[in-house]
């Protein structure tokens, strides 16, 4: 029987990394202020809060950014 060297113990399992938090866009204060004015005007005109699609269309911004702003305005 040949000597194959020292016995290597199996590696211990490594704990899983925590999930990364969802990417939250940094909202420029000037954009939020402008969105707030647009939302206030919308509420005055319609009597309802502005929704993401309307804010997106009014400001010409991506849907995810509009959603983040609407969430902040709520």
Protein backbone atom coordinates (compact mmCIF):
# COMPACT_ATOMS: atom_id res chain seq x y z
CA UNK A 1 0.00 0.00 0.00
CA UNK A 2 1.48 3.35 -1.08
CA UNK A 3 1.50 6.45 1.12
CA UNK A 4 -0.58 9.13 -0.67
CA UNK A 5 0.42 11.90 1.74
CA UNK A 6 -1.58 13.50 4.51
CA UNK A 7 -5.32 13.07 4.49
CA UNK A 8 -7.16 16.24 3.54
CA UNK A 9 -10.31 16.97 5.47
CA UNK A 10 -13.35 18.05 3.47
CA UNK A 11 -13.93 21.79 3.36
CA UNK A 12 -16.50 23.23 5.69
CA UNK A 13 -19.52 24.74 3.96
CA UNK A 14 -19.31 28.48 3.47
CA UNK A 15 -22.37 30.44 4.59
CA UNK A 16 -24.32 32.07 1.79
CA UNK A 17 -23.81 35.77 1.24
CA UNK A 18 -26.76 37.96 2.19
CA UNK A 19 -28.82 39.19 -0.71
CA UNK A 20 -27.91 42.62 -1.95
CA UNK A 21 -30.53 45.24 -1.22
CA UNK A 22 -32.70 46.31 -4.13
CA UNK A 23 -31.14 49.07 -6.11
CA UNK A 24 -32.59 52.35 -4.93
CA UNK A 25 -32.01 55.22 -7.28
CA UNK A 26 -30.58 58.40 -5.82
CA UNK A 27 -33.18 61.07 -6.43
CA UNK A 28 -31.89 64.53 -7.24
CA UNK A 29 -33.60 67.03 -4.90
CA UNK A 30 -34.40 69.41 -7.78
CA UNK A 31 -36.18 66.60 -9.65
CA UNK A 32 -38.18 65.64 -6.57
CA UNK A 33 -39.16 69.29 -6.01
CA UNK A 34 -40.30 69.61 -9.61
CA UNK A 35 -42.19 66.30 -9.38
CA UNK A 36 -43.87 67.52 -6.19
CA UNK A 37 -45.10 70.63 -8.04
CA UNK A 38 -46.37 68.50 -10.94
CA UNK A 39 -48.10 66.15 -8.48
CA UNK A 40 -49.71 69.06 -6.60
CA UNK A 41 -50.98 70.55 -9.86
CA UNK A 42 -52.35 67.14 -10.89
CA UNK A 43 -54.16 66.74 -7.55
CA UNK A 44 -55.64 70.24 -7.79
CA UNK A 45 -56.83 69.61 -11.35
CA UNK A 46 -58.12 66.03 -10.95
CA UNK A 47 -58.70 65.53 -7.23
CA UNK A 48 -56.55 62.39 -7.26
CA UNK A 49 -52.93 61.60 -6.50
CA UNK A 50 -50.63 61.32 -9.49
CA UNK A 51 -49.73 57.78 -10.56
CA UNK A 52 -46.40 56.53 -11.81
CA UNK A 53 -47.38 56.41 -15.49
CA UNK A 54 -48.70 59.97 -15.46
CA UNK A 55 -45.65 61.34 -13.65
CA UNK A 56 -43.36 59.45 -16.02
CA UNK A 57 -45.14 60.93 -19.04
CA UNK A 58 -45.20 64.46 -17.62
CA UNK A 59 -41.50 64.47 -16.69
CA UNK A 60 -40.20 62.27 -19.51
CA UNK A 61 -38.29 60.00 -17.14
CA UNK A 62 -37.90 56.19 -16.91
CA UNK A 63 -40.67 54.25 -15.16
CA UNK A 64 -38.45 53.01 -12.30
CA UNK A 65 -37.37 56.57 -11.51
CA UNK A 66 -40.97 57.81 -11.65
CA UNK A 67 -42.02 54.98 -9.32
CA UNK A 68 -39.32 55.89 -6.81
CA UNK A 69 -40.44 59.52 -6.86
CA UNK A 70 -44.13 58.63 -6.47
CA UNK A 71 -43.21 56.42 -3.49
CA UNK A 72 -41.29 59.29 -1.93
CA UNK A 73 -44.15 61.73 -2.49
CA UNK A 74 -46.66 59.43 -0.76
